[in-house]
Amino acid sequence: MQAVNLLPDEHKIRAKKRSTPADNLDSRKTLRTGGLAAVAVVVLLGALYGYQRNVVNSKKSALAKDQAALAAIKPKADAIKAAQASSAARLSVISNVTASRMNWDNALKVFAHVVPTDSFLSSLSFEAPVQTASIVTPAAPTTPTTDSTASTATVTPAAPPSGTSTLTVAGTAPGTVGVARVLDRFALVPWLSNVTLTSATRFADGAGDSFNITATVSQEP
């Protein structure tokens, strides 16, 4: 036999609604569960904030220590850099002076071969270019601080030699032809250029001429 529900339709709907699990839940239990979940979220956020704050504070402390160490070391590093710059500037001066000096031993040997046997040199002079020394301003003393800014030394590089090296030669020759021969011989020297006769004077007795010759020294002899 088949069972038949004789209740009206609205009673059937109410019965179905009463039988659902959601209708059977207690409202107090729902509020208690939601509150616990909210508290758990707040506690978790607080823990994350505290952890991140500790990490940031640790990073700041490490940065402060590094800045203090850098400030203590920087004056010494600046002094070393200033000393190196000063040494480099002095070495530049020495190199320029050495490059522009006259090697008289080699020069006299060359002149002994090129000057004609009937002519004589009475004086030799050499004018080197002017070398400007460098200026080194030492660093001002500083006290350790967390500020990374510090005074440094100022170095003005040595100025290169100004002008050219000039050789001046004075001597005597048996006559005008002899002076011309001396000029031609000096022009053959590879490290001399712009060989020029600046003056030539005939002796009173007519026995010969005195002369002055200038030349540019293009490289070390």
N, C-alpha and C. Protein backbone atom coordinates (compact mmCIF):
# COMPACT_ATOMS: atom_id res chain seq x y z
N MET A 1 0.86 -1.20 0.00
CA MET A 1 0.00 0.00 0.00
C MET A 1 0.89 1.24 0.00
N GLN A 2 0.52 2.26 -0.75
CA GLN A 2 1.30 3.50 -0.86
C GLN A 2 0.82 4.51 0.17
N ALA A 3 1.87 5.18 0.88
CA ALA A 3 1.50 6.17 1.91
C ALA A 3 1.13 7.47 1.26
N VAL A 4 0.13 8.14 1.83
CA VAL A 4 -0.37 9.40 1.26
C VAL A 4 -0.35 10.45 2.36
N ASN A 5 0.24 11.67 2.07
CA ASN A 5 0.28 12.78 3.01
C ASN A 5 -0.98 13.60 2.83
N LEU A 6 -1.78 13.67 3.88
CA LEU A 6 -3.05 14.36 3.78
C LEU A 6 -2.98 15.80 4.28
N LEU A 7 -1.77 16.30 4.70
CA LEU A 7 -1.65 17.68 5.17
C LEU A 7 -1.75 18.66 4.00
N PRO A 8 -2.26 19.89 4.32
CA PRO A 8 -2.32 20.89 3.25
C PRO A 8 -0.90 21.23 2.72
N ASP A 9 -0.87 21.91 1.55
CA ASP A 9 0.44 22.20 0.91
C ASP A 9 1.29 23.13 1.74
N GLU A 10 0.70 24.17 2.43
CA GLU A 10 1.53 25.10 3.19
C GLU A 10 2.18 24.42 4.37
N HIS A 11 1.55 23.43 4.93
CA HIS A 11 2.16 22.66 6.01
C HIS A 11 3.30 21.80 5.52
N LYS A 12 3.17 21.31 4.32
CA LYS A 12 4.25 20.52 3.74
C LYS A 12 5.52 21.36 3.57
N ILE A 13 5.38 22.65 3.07
CA ILE A 13 6.54 23.55 2.86
C ILE A 13 7.20 23.88 4.17
N ARG A 14 6.35 24.16 5.23
CA ARG A 14 6.91 24.49 6.54
C ARG A 14 7.67 23.30 7.11
N ALA A 15 7.16 22.12 6.91
CA ALA A 15 7.82 20.93 7.42
C ALA A 15 9.18 20.74 6.77
N LYS A 16 9.20 20.99 5.45
CA LYS A 16 10.48 20.87 4.74
C LYS A 16 11.48 21.91 5.25
N LYS A 17 11.02 23.12 5.49
CA LYS A 17 11.92 24.17 5.97
C LYS A 17 12.45 23.84 7.35
N ARG A 18 11.66 23.30 8.23
CA ARG A 18 12.13 22.95 9.56
C ARG A 18 13.16 21.84 9.52
N SER A 19 13.14 21.03 8.49
CA SER A 19 14.03 19.88 8.43
C SER A 19 15.41 20.22 7.85
N THR A 20 15.63 21.49 7.35
CA THR A 20 16.94 21.84 6.76
C THR A 20 17.96 22.05 7.88
N PRO A 21 19.32 21.74 7.64
CA PRO A 21 20.36 21.90 8.70
C PRO A 21 20.57 23.33 9.10
N ALA A 22 20.39 24.27 8.15
CA ALA A 22 20.64 25.68 8.48
C ALA A 22 19.64 26.18 9.50
N ASP A 23 18.42 25.70 9.42
CA ASP A 23 17.42 26.16 10.38
C ASP A 23 17.67 25.58 11.76
N ASN A 24 18.42 24.49 11.84
CA ASN A 24 18.66 23.86 13.12
C ASN A 24 19.88 24.43 13.86
N LEU A 25 20.65 25.30 13.19
CA LEU A 25 21.84 25.89 13.83
C LEU A 25 21.43 26.90 14.88
N ASP A 26 22.20 26.93 15.96
CA ASP A 26 21.94 27.88 17.02
C ASP A 26 22.59 29.21 16.67
N SER A 27 21.90 30.32 16.80
CA SER A 27 22.46 31.64 16.44
C SER A 27 23.62 32.00 17.35
N ARG A 28 23.61 31.63 18.60
CA ARG A 28 24.71 31.94 19.52
C ARG A 28 25.99 31.21 19.10
N LYS A 29 25.83 29.98 18.66
CA LYS A 29 27.01 29.22 18.21
C LYS A 29 27.62 29.86 16.97
N THR A 30 26.75 30.39 16.09
CA THR A 30 27.25 31.04 14.89
C THR A 30 28.05 32.29 15.24
N LEU A 31 27.52 33.11 16.16
CA LEU A 31 28.23 34.32 16.57
C LEU A 31 29.55 33.98 17.25
N ARG A 32 29.55 32.94 18.07
CA ARG A 32 30.77 32.55 18.78
C ARG A 32 31.84 32.10 17.79
N THR A 33 31.47 31.36 16.79
CA THR A 33 32.43 30.88 15.78
C THR A 33 33.00 32.04 14.97
N GLY A 34 32.13 32.99 14.58
CA GLY A 34 32.61 34.15 13.83
C GLY A 34 33.55 35.00 14.65
N GLY A 35 33.24 35.19 15.94
CA GLY A 35 34.11 35.99 16.81
C GLY A 35 35.48 35.35 16.96
N LEU A 36 35.49 34.01 17.16
CA LEU A 36 36.77 33.31 17.28
C LEU A 36 37.60 33.45 16.00
N ALA A 37 36.95 33.38 14.85
CA ALA A 37 37.67 33.53 13.58
C ALA A 37 38.25 34.93 13.45
N ALA A 38 37.47 35.95 13.85
CA ALA A 38 37.97 37.33 13.77
C ALA A 38 39.16 37.54 14.70
N VAL A 39 39.06 36.97 15.91
CA VAL A 39 40.18 37.10 16.86
C VAL A 39 41.43 36.41 16.32
N ALA A 40 41.24 35.26 15.69
CA ALA A 40 42.39 34.54 15.13
C ALA A 40 43.06 35.36 14.03
N VAL A 41 42.25 36.01 13.20
CA VAL A 41 42.81 36.84 12.12
C VAL A 41 43.58 38.02 12.71
N VAL A 42 43.02 38.67 13.74
CA VAL A 42 43.69 39.81 14.37
C VAL A 42 45.02 39.38 14.99
N VAL A 43 44.99 38.23 15.69
CA VAL A 43 46.22 37.73 16.32
C VAL A 43 47.28 37.43 15.26
N LEU A 44 46.87 36.82 14.14
CA LEU A 44 47.81 36.51 13.07
C LEU A 44 48.41 37.77 12.45
N LEU A 45 47.57 38.78 12.22
CA LEU A 45 48.08 40.05 11.68
C LEU A 45 49.04 40.72 12.65
N GLY A 46 48.71 40.66 13.95
CA GLY A 46 49.60 41.25 14.96
C GLY A 46 50.94 40.55 14.99
N ALA A 47 50.91 39.22 14.88
CA ALA A 47 52.17 38.47 14.88
C ALA A 47 53.02 38.81 13.66
N LEU A 48 52.38 38.90 12.49
CA LEU A 48 53.10 39.27 11.27
C LEU A 48 53.68 40.67 11.39
N TYR A 49 52.93 41.61 11.93
CA TYR A 49 53.42 42.98 12.11
C TYR A 49 54.63 43.01 13.05
N GLY A 50 54.53 42.28 14.16
CA GLY A 50 55.65 42.25 15.11
C GLY A 50 56.90 41.65 14.48
N TYR A 51 56.72 40.58 13.69
CA TYR A 51 57.87 39.96 13.04
C TYR A 51 58.54 40.92 12.05
N GLN A 52 57.71 41.56 11.20
CA GLN A 52 58.26 42.50 10.22
C GLN A 52 58.92 43.69 10.91
N ARG A 53 58.36 44.13 12.02
CA ARG A 53 58.96 45.26 12.75
C ARG A 53 60.33 44.87 13.31
N ASN A 54 60.43 43.64 13.83
CA ASN A 54 61.73 43.17 14.33
C ASN A 54 62.76 43.07 13.21
N VAL A 55 62.31 42.62 12.03
CA VAL A 55 63.24 42.53 10.89
C VAL A 55 63.73 43.91 10.48
N VAL A 56 62.82 44.89 10.41
CA VAL A 56 63.21 46.25 10.03
C VAL A 56 64.16 46.85 11.06
N ASN A 57 63.87 46.67 12.33
CA ASN A 57 64.76 47.20 13.38
C ASN A 57 66.14 46.56 13.30
N SER A 58 66.18 45.26 13.00
CA SER A 58 67.47 44.58 12.87
C SER A 58 68.27 45.13 11.69
N LYS A 59 67.57 45.38 10.57
CA LYS A 59 68.24 45.96 9.40
C LYS A 59 68.75 47.35 9.69
N LYS A 60 67.97 48.15 10.38
CA LYS A 60 68.40 49.51 10.73
C LYS A 60 69.63 49.48 11.64
N SER A 61 69.64 48.55 12.59
CA SER A 61 70.79 48.44 13.49
C SER A 61 72.05 48.03 12.74
N ALA A 62 71.91 47.08 11.81
CA ALA A 62 73.07 46.66 11.01
C ALA A 62 73.56 47.80 10.13
N LEU A 63 72.63 48.57 9.55
CA LEU A 63 73.01 49.70 8.70
C LEU A 63 73.74 50.77 9.51
N ALA A 64 73.26 51.04 10.72
CA ALA A 64 73.93 52.04 11.57
C ALA A 64 75.34 51.60 11.91
N LYS A 65 75.55 50.31 12.20
CA LYS A 65 76.88 49.80 12.51
C LYS A 65 77.80 49.93 11.29
N ASP A 66 77.28 49.59 10.11
CA ASP A 66 78.10 49.70 8.89
C ASP A 66 78.47 51.15 8.60
N GLN A 67 77.53 52.08 8.79
CA GLN A 67 77.82 53.49 8.56
C GLN A 67 78.86 54.00 9.55
N ALA A 68 78.78 53.56 10.80
CA ALA A 68 79.77 53.98 11.79
C ALA A 68 81.15 53.44 11.43
N ALA A 69 81.21 52.18 10.98
CA ALA A 69 82.51 51.60 10.58
C ALA A 69 83.07 52.32 9.36
N LEU A 70 82.20 52.64 8.40
CA LEU A 70 82.64 53.36 7.21
C LEU A 70 83.15 54.75 7.56
N ALA A 71 82.46 55.44 8.47
CA ALA A 71 82.90 56.77 8.87
C ALA A 71 84.24 56.72 9.59
N ALA A 72 84.51 55.64 10.31
CA ALA A 72 85.79 55.52 11.01
C ALA A 72 86.93 55.20 10.05
N ILE A 73 86.63 54.45 8.99
CA ILE A 73 87.68 54.04 8.04
C ILE A 73 87.93 55.09 6.98
N LYS A 74 86.92 55.89 6.63
CA LYS A 74 87.02 56.81 5.49
C LYS A 74 88.16 57.82 5.62
N PRO A 75 88.42 58.43 6.80
CA PRO A 75 89.57 59.36 6.87
C PRO A 75 90.89 58.69 6.50
N LYS A 76 91.10 57.45 6.95
CA LYS A 76 92.32 56.74 6.60
C LYS A 76 92.40 56.47 5.11
N ALA A 77 91.25 56.08 4.52
CA ALA A 77 91.24 55.84 3.07
C ALA A 77 91.51 57.13 2.29
N ASP A 78 90.95 58.25 2.77
CA ASP A 78 91.20 59.53 2.11
C ASP A 78 92.67 59.92 2.20
N ALA A 79 93.30 59.65 3.35
CA ALA A 79 94.72 59.97 3.50
C ALA A 79 95.57 59.13 2.55
N ILE A 80 95.20 57.85 2.40
CA ILE A 80 95.94 56.98 1.47
C ILE A 80 95.76 57.45 0.03
N LYS A 81 94.53 57.84 -0.34
CA LYS A 81 94.28 58.33 -1.69
C LYS A 81 95.07 59.61 -1.96
N ALA A 82 95.13 60.51 -0.95
CA ALA A 82 95.88 61.75 -1.12
C ALA A 82 97.36 61.46 -1.31
N ALA A 83 97.89 60.50 -0.53
CA ALA A 83 99.31 60.14 -0.67
C ALA A 83 99.58 59.54 -2.04
N GLN A 84 98.68 58.70 -2.52
CA GLN A 84 98.85 58.11 -3.85
C GLN A 84 98.81 59.18 -4.93
N ALA A 85 97.87 60.13 -4.81
CA ALA A 85 97.77 61.20 -5.80
C ALA A 85 99.03 62.07 -5.77
N SER A 86 99.54 62.36 -4.57
CA SER A 86 100.75 63.17 -4.46
C SER A 86 101.94 62.45 -5.09
N SER A 87 102.05 61.14 -4.84
CA SER A 87 103.14 60.37 -5.43
C SER A 87 103.04 60.33 -6.94
N ALA A 88 101.81 60.18 -7.44
CA ALA A 88 101.61 60.16 -8.90
C ALA A 88 101.99 61.51 -9.52
N ALA A 89 101.62 62.61 -8.84
CA ALA A 89 101.95 63.94 -9.36
C ALA A 89 103.46 64.15 -9.37
N ARG A 90 104.14 63.73 -8.29
CA ARG A 90 105.60 63.88 -8.24
C ARG A 90 106.27 63.02 -9.30
N LEU A 91 105.75 61.81 -9.51
CA LEU A 91 106.31 60.94 -10.54
C LEU A 91 106.14 61.57 -11.92
N SER A 92 105.00 62.24 -12.14
CA SER A 92 104.77 62.92 -13.41
C SER A 92 105.79 64.03 -13.62
N VAL A 93 106.07 64.78 -12.53
CA VAL A 93 107.07 65.86 -12.63
C VAL A 93 108.43 65.29 -12.97
N ILE A 94 108.82 64.21 -12.27
CA ILE A 94 110.12 63.60 -12.51
C ILE A 94 110.22 63.07 -13.94
N SER A 95 109.14 62.44 -14.41
CA SER A 95 109.15 61.89 -15.77
C SER A 95 109.30 63.01 -16.80
N ASN A 96 108.56 64.11 -16.59
CA ASN A 96 108.66 65.23 -17.54
C ASN A 96 110.04 65.86 -17.52
N VAL A 97 110.60 66.01 -16.33
CA VAL A 97 111.95 66.60 -16.24
C VAL A 97 112.97 65.69 -16.90
N THR A 98 112.84 64.38 -16.62
CA THR A 98 113.78 63.43 -17.22
C THR A 98 113.67 63.41 -18.74
N ALA A 99 112.42 63.50 -19.23
CA ALA A 99 112.23 63.47 -20.68
C ALA A 99 112.77 64.72 -21.36
N SER A 100 112.79 65.85 -20.63
CA SER A 100 113.22 67.11 -21.24
C SER A 100 114.69 67.46 -20.93
N ARG A 101 115.40 66.60 -20.23
CA ARG A 101 116.79 66.93 -19.89
C ARG A 101 117.70 66.65 -21.08
N MET A 102 118.86 67.23 -21.07
CA MET A 102 119.84 67.03 -22.12
C MET A 102 120.88 66.01 -21.65
N ASN A 103 121.07 64.98 -22.44
CA ASN A 103 122.11 64.00 -22.17
C ASN A 103 123.40 64.51 -22.81
N TRP A 104 124.18 65.22 -21.98
CA TRP A 104 125.35 65.92 -22.52
C TRP A 104 126.42 64.95 -23.02
N ASP A 105 126.52 63.78 -22.43
CA ASP A 105 127.53 62.82 -22.89
C ASP A 105 127.28 62.43 -24.35
N ASN A 106 126.01 62.04 -24.64
CA ASN A 106 125.70 61.67 -26.02
C ASN A 106 125.74 62.86 -26.96
N ALA A 107 125.28 64.04 -26.43
CA ALA A 107 125.27 65.23 -27.29
C ALA A 107 126.69 65.64 -27.70
N LEU A 108 127.63 65.63 -26.76
CA LEU A 108 129.00 66.02 -27.09
C LEU A 108 129.65 65.02 -28.05
N LYS A 109 129.32 63.74 -27.89
CA LYS A 109 129.85 62.75 -28.84
C LYS A 109 129.34 63.02 -30.25
N VAL A 110 128.05 63.36 -30.36
CA VAL A 110 127.48 63.65 -31.67
C VAL A 110 128.13 64.91 -32.26
N PHE A 111 128.27 65.95 -31.44
CA PHE A 111 128.87 67.19 -31.94
C PHE A 111 130.31 66.98 -32.38
N ALA A 112 131.03 66.11 -31.67
CA ALA A 112 132.43 65.85 -32.04
C ALA A 112 132.53 65.22 -33.42
N HIS A 113 131.46 64.49 -33.82
CA HIS A 113 131.48 63.85 -35.14
C HIS A 113 130.96 64.76 -36.24
N VAL A 114 130.01 65.64 -35.93
CA VAL A 114 129.39 66.42 -37.00
C VAL A 114 130.09 67.76 -37.25
N VAL A 115 130.74 68.33 -36.25
CA VAL A 115 131.38 69.63 -36.44
C VAL A 115 132.62 69.45 -37.32
N PRO A 116 132.74 70.25 -38.38
CA PRO A 116 133.93 70.14 -39.25
C PRO A 116 135.22 70.35 -38.47
N THR A 117 136.29 69.74 -38.96
CA THR A 117 137.57 69.82 -38.24
C THR A 117 138.16 71.22 -38.25
N ASP A 118 137.77 72.07 -39.20
CA ASP A 118 138.30 73.43 -39.23
C ASP A 118 137.43 74.43 -38.45
N SER A 119 136.39 73.93 -37.76
CA SER A 119 135.51 74.80 -36.97
C SER A 119 135.55 74.33 -35.52
N PHE A 120 135.18 75.25 -34.62
CA PHE A 120 135.26 74.96 -33.19
C PHE A 120 134.01 75.50 -32.49
N LEU A 121 133.58 74.79 -31.44
CA LEU A 121 132.47 75.24 -30.59
C LEU A 121 133.05 75.83 -29.31
N SER A 122 132.61 77.04 -28.99
CA SER A 122 133.12 77.72 -27.79
C SER A 122 132.15 77.63 -26.61
N SER A 123 130.85 77.44 -26.85
CA SER A 123 129.88 77.34 -25.76
C SER A 123 128.64 76.58 -26.22
N LEU A 124 128.02 75.93 -25.25
CA LEU A 124 126.77 75.22 -25.49
C LEU A 124 125.83 75.55 -24.34
N SER A 125 124.57 75.78 -24.65
CA SER A 125 123.57 76.03 -23.61
C SER A 125 122.27 75.35 -24.02
N PHE A 126 121.52 74.92 -23.00
CA PHE A 126 120.27 74.19 -23.25
C PHE A 126 119.19 74.77 -22.37
N GLU A 127 118.08 75.13 -22.95
CA GLU A 127 116.94 75.69 -22.22
C GLU A 127 115.77 74.71 -22.30
N ALA A 128 115.43 74.16 -21.14
CA ALA A 128 114.33 73.18 -21.09
C ALA A 128 113.02 73.90 -20.81
N PRO A 129 111.89 73.29 -21.16
CA PRO A 129 110.60 73.89 -20.84
C PRO A 129 110.35 73.96 -19.35
N VAL A 130 109.50 74.90 -18.94
CA VAL A 130 109.20 75.11 -17.52
C VAL A 130 108.22 74.06 -17.07
N GLN A 131 108.53 73.43 -15.93
CA GLN A 131 107.65 72.42 -15.33
C GLN A 131 106.97 73.01 -14.11
N THR A 132 105.64 73.03 -14.13
CA THR A 132 104.88 73.53 -12.98
C THR A 132 104.60 72.40 -12.01
N ALA A 133 104.99 72.60 -10.76
CA ALA A 133 104.79 71.55 -9.76
C ALA A 133 103.32 71.42 -9.42
N SER A 134 102.96 70.26 -8.95
CA SER A 134 101.57 70.01 -8.55
C SER A 134 101.33 70.55 -7.15
N ILE A 135 100.07 70.78 -6.84
CA ILE A 135 99.65 71.28 -5.54
C ILE A 135 98.74 70.23 -4.91
N VAL A 136 99.10 69.81 -3.72
CA VAL A 136 98.30 68.81 -3.01
C VAL A 136 97.78 69.43 -1.72
N THR A 137 96.47 69.50 -1.60
CA THR A 137 95.84 70.02 -0.39
C THR A 137 95.41 68.86 0.47
N PRO A 138 95.97 68.68 1.67
CA PRO A 138 95.61 67.52 2.48
C PRO A 138 94.17 67.59 2.95
N ALA A 139 93.64 66.42 3.25
CA ALA A 139 92.26 66.34 3.73
C ALA A 139 92.16 66.90 5.14
N ALA A 140 91.07 67.57 5.43
CA ALA A 140 90.85 68.11 6.77
C ALA A 140 90.51 66.97 7.71
N PRO A 141 90.98 67.01 8.96
CA PRO A 141 90.67 65.92 9.90
C PRO A 141 89.19 65.85 10.19
N THR A 142 88.70 64.65 10.27
CA THR A 142 87.28 64.44 10.53
C THR A 142 87.12 63.54 11.74
N THR A 143 85.97 63.64 12.38
CA THR A 143 85.66 62.78 13.53
C THR A 143 84.67 61.72 13.09
N PRO A 144 84.75 60.52 13.67
CA PRO A 144 83.83 59.45 13.25
C PRO A 144 82.39 59.87 13.45
N THR A 145 81.59 59.61 12.44
CA THR A 145 80.17 59.95 12.48
C THR A 145 79.42 59.02 11.57
N THR A 146 78.14 58.96 11.75
CA THR A 146 77.34 58.11 10.88
C THR A 146 77.12 58.72 9.53
N ASP A 147 77.45 59.98 9.37
CA ASP A 147 77.31 60.64 8.08
C ASP A 147 78.39 60.13 7.15
N SER A 148 78.03 59.72 5.95
CA SER A 148 79.00 59.16 5.02
C SER A 148 79.80 60.21 4.31
N THR A 149 79.49 61.49 4.47
CA THR A 149 80.23 62.56 3.81
C THR A 149 81.47 62.89 4.60
N ALA A 150 82.65 62.99 3.90
CA ALA A 150 83.92 63.30 4.56
C ALA A 150 84.76 64.14 3.64
N SER A 151 85.71 64.90 4.24
CA SER A 151 86.58 65.75 3.46
C SER A 151 87.61 64.89 2.73
N THR A 152 87.95 65.29 1.55
CA THR A 152 88.95 64.57 0.76
C THR A 152 90.04 65.53 0.34
N ALA A 153 91.18 64.97 -0.01
CA ALA A 153 92.31 65.79 -0.44
C ALA A 153 92.08 66.28 -1.87
N THR A 154 92.59 67.47 -2.14
CA THR A 154 92.49 68.05 -3.48
C THR A 154 93.86 68.04 -4.12
N VAL A 155 93.93 67.45 -5.29
CA VAL A 155 95.21 67.33 -5.99
C VAL A 155 95.11 68.06 -7.32
N THR A 156 96.02 69.00 -7.53
CA THR A 156 96.10 69.68 -8.81
C THR A 156 97.22 69.04 -9.62
N PRO A 157 96.90 68.37 -10.72
CA PRO A 157 97.94 67.67 -11.47
C PRO A 157 99.03 68.63 -11.94
N ALA A 158 100.22 68.07 -12.11
CA ALA A 158 101.33 68.87 -12.61
C ALA A 158 101.05 69.29 -14.04
N ALA A 159 101.30 70.56 -14.32
CA ALA A 159 101.09 71.08 -15.66
C ALA A 159 102.18 70.56 -16.58
N PRO A 160 101.84 70.22 -17.83
CA PRO A 160 102.85 69.74 -18.75
C PRO A 160 103.85 70.85 -19.07
N PRO A 161 105.06 70.48 -19.52
CA PRO A 161 106.05 71.50 -19.85
C PRO A 161 105.53 72.45 -20.91
N SER A 162 105.74 73.74 -20.68
CA SER A 162 105.31 74.75 -21.65
C SER A 162 106.48 75.13 -22.53
N GLY A 163 106.25 75.22 -23.85
CA GLY A 163 107.30 75.59 -24.77
C GLY A 163 108.11 74.38 -25.22
N THR A 164 109.24 74.62 -25.87
CA THR A 164 110.09 73.57 -26.39
C THR A 164 111.51 73.73 -25.85
N SER A 165 112.27 72.65 -25.93
CA SER A 165 113.67 72.68 -25.49
C SER A 165 114.52 73.28 -26.61
N THR A 166 115.37 74.23 -26.25
CA THR A 166 116.17 74.95 -27.23
C THR A 166 117.65 74.80 -26.92
N LEU A 167 118.42 74.48 -27.95
CA LEU A 167 119.87 74.36 -27.84
C LEU A 167 120.51 75.56 -28.54
N THR A 168 121.44 76.21 -27.84
CA THR A 168 122.16 77.35 -28.41
C THR A 168 123.65 77.01 -28.45
N VAL A 169 124.23 77.21 -29.63
CA VAL A 169 125.63 76.86 -29.84
C VAL A 169 126.38 78.08 -30.36
N ALA A 170 127.56 78.34 -29.80
CA ALA A 170 128.43 79.42 -30.27
C ALA A 170 129.77 78.82 -30.66
N GLY A 171 130.37 79.37 -31.68
CA GLY A 171 131.66 78.84 -32.12
C GLY A 171 132.29 79.70 -33.19
N THR A 172 133.34 79.19 -33.80
CA THR A 172 134.07 79.90 -34.87
C THR A 172 134.24 78.98 -36.05
N ALA A 173 134.30 79.59 -37.22
CA ALA A 173 134.50 78.87 -38.47
C ALA A 173 135.47 79.68 -39.33
N PRO A 174 136.14 79.06 -40.30
CA PRO A 174 137.14 79.77 -41.10
C PRO A 174 136.56 80.83 -42.04
N GLY A 175 135.25 80.89 -42.17
CA GLY A 175 134.65 81.89 -43.04
C GLY A 175 133.17 81.61 -43.22
N THR A 176 132.57 82.35 -44.14
CA THR A 176 131.13 82.19 -44.37
C THR A 176 130.80 80.78 -44.83
N VAL A 177 131.65 80.23 -45.68
CA VAL A 177 131.42 78.86 -46.16
C VAL A 177 131.53 77.88 -45.00
N GLY A 178 132.45 78.12 -44.10
CA GLY A 178 132.60 77.24 -42.94
C GLY A 178 131.38 77.30 -42.02
N VAL A 179 130.82 78.50 -41.85
CA VAL A 179 129.60 78.63 -41.04
C VAL A 179 128.45 77.86 -41.69
N ALA A 180 128.33 77.96 -43.00
CA ALA A 180 127.27 77.24 -43.72
C ALA A 180 127.46 75.73 -43.59
N ARG A 181 128.71 75.30 -43.58
CA ARG A 181 128.97 73.87 -43.43
C ARG A 181 128.56 73.39 -42.03
N VAL A 182 128.82 74.20 -41.01
CA VAL A 182 128.41 73.84 -39.65
C VAL A 182 126.88 73.72 -39.58
N LEU A 183 126.17 74.67 -40.20
CA LEU A 183 124.70 74.60 -40.22
C LEU A 183 124.22 73.31 -40.87
N ASP A 184 124.84 72.96 -42.01
CA ASP A 184 124.42 71.74 -42.70
C ASP A 184 124.67 70.51 -41.85
N ARG A 185 125.79 70.48 -41.11
CA ARG A 185 126.10 69.32 -40.28
C ARG A 185 125.11 69.21 -39.11
N PHE A 186 124.78 70.34 -38.49
CA PHE A 186 123.82 70.30 -37.38
C PHE A 186 122.43 69.87 -37.87
N ALA A 187 122.11 70.22 -39.10
CA ALA A 187 120.80 69.82 -39.64
C ALA A 187 120.69 68.32 -39.84
N LEU A 188 121.83 67.61 -39.87
CA LEU A 188 121.82 66.15 -40.04
C LEU A 188 121.55 65.42 -38.73
N VAL A 189 121.65 66.11 -37.59
CA VAL A 189 121.41 65.45 -36.30
C VAL A 189 119.92 65.14 -36.17
N PRO A 190 119.54 63.87 -35.95
CA PRO A 190 118.11 63.51 -35.98
C PRO A 190 117.28 64.13 -34.87
N TRP A 191 117.87 64.43 -33.73
CA TRP A 191 117.08 64.97 -32.62
C TRP A 191 117.10 66.49 -32.57
N LEU A 192 117.61 67.13 -33.62
CA LEU A 192 117.57 68.59 -33.73
C LEU A 192 116.70 68.98 -34.91
N SER A 193 115.95 70.06 -34.73
CA SER A 193 115.12 70.60 -35.81
C SER A 193 115.16 72.13 -35.74
N ASN A 194 114.73 72.77 -36.81
CA ASN A 194 114.72 74.24 -36.89
C ASN A 194 116.11 74.83 -36.59
N VAL A 195 117.12 74.21 -37.18
CA VAL A 195 118.49 74.72 -37.00
C VAL A 195 118.59 76.07 -37.69
N THR A 196 118.92 77.12 -36.92
CA THR A 196 118.88 78.50 -37.44
C THR A 196 120.16 79.23 -37.04
N LEU A 197 120.72 79.97 -37.97
CA LEU A 197 121.86 80.85 -37.69
C LEU A 197 121.32 82.17 -37.16
N THR A 198 121.58 82.47 -35.92
CA THR A 198 121.06 83.70 -35.32
C THR A 198 122.00 84.89 -35.52
N SER A 199 123.32 84.62 -35.60
CA SER A 199 124.26 85.72 -35.84
C SER A 199 125.57 85.16 -36.37
N ALA A 200 126.25 85.98 -37.15
CA ALA A 200 127.59 85.63 -37.67
C ALA A 200 128.38 86.93 -37.80
N THR A 201 129.57 86.95 -37.20
CA THR A 201 130.39 88.16 -37.18
C THR A 201 131.80 87.85 -37.69
N ARG A 202 132.25 88.68 -38.60
CA ARG A 202 133.59 88.51 -39.17
C ARG A 202 134.64 89.05 -38.19
N PHE A 203 135.72 88.29 -37.98
CA PHE A 203 136.80 88.76 -37.12
C PHE A 203 137.47 89.99 -37.74
N ALA A 204 138.04 90.82 -36.88
CA ALA A 204 138.67 92.06 -37.37
C ALA A 204 139.84 91.77 -38.29
N ASP A 205 140.57 90.70 -38.02
CA ASP A 205 141.71 90.38 -38.88
C ASP A 205 141.32 89.56 -40.08
N GLY A 206 140.00 89.21 -40.20
CA GLY A 206 139.53 88.46 -41.36
C GLY A 206 139.92 87.01 -41.34
N ALA A 207 140.35 86.50 -40.18
CA ALA A 207 140.80 85.12 -40.10
C ALA A 207 139.66 84.13 -39.99
N GLY A 208 138.44 84.59 -39.79
CA GLY A 208 137.30 83.70 -39.67
C GLY A 208 136.06 84.42 -39.18
N ASP A 209 135.02 83.64 -38.91
CA ASP A 209 133.75 84.20 -38.44
C ASP A 209 133.36 83.54 -37.12
N SER A 210 132.75 84.32 -36.25
CA SER A 210 132.10 83.75 -35.06
C SER A 210 130.61 83.62 -35.35
N PHE A 211 129.98 82.60 -34.79
CA PHE A 211 128.57 82.36 -35.11
C PHE A 211 127.81 81.92 -33.87
N ASN A 212 126.51 82.09 -33.95
CA ASN A 212 125.57 81.59 -32.93
C ASN A 212 124.46 80.84 -33.65
N ILE A 213 124.20 79.63 -33.23
CA ILE A 213 123.20 78.78 -33.86
C ILE A 213 122.21 78.31 -32.79
N THR A 214 120.96 78.34 -33.12
CA THR A 214 119.92 77.79 -32.22
C THR A 214 119.21 76.65 -32.93
N ALA A 215 118.73 75.70 -32.13
CA ALA A 215 118.00 74.54 -32.69
C ALA A 215 117.01 74.05 -31.65
N THR A 216 115.95 73.46 -32.12
CA THR A 216 114.94 72.86 -31.25
C THR A 216 115.28 71.40 -31.01
N VAL A 217 115.29 71.00 -29.73
CA VAL A 217 115.56 69.60 -29.38
C VAL A 217 114.22 68.87 -29.37
N SER A 218 114.01 68.04 -30.38
CA SER A 218 112.72 67.36 -30.51
C SER A 218 112.63 66.11 -29.66
N GLN A 219 113.75 65.51 -29.28
CA GLN A 219 113.75 64.34 -28.43
C GLN A 219 115.10 64.24 -27.73
N GLU A 220 115.16 63.34 -26.72
CA GLU A 220 116.39 63.21 -25.96
C GLU A 220 117.48 62.61 -26.84
N PRO A 221 118.70 63.19 -26.86
CA PRO A 221 119.78 62.66 -27.69
C PRO A 221 120.26 61.29 -27.21
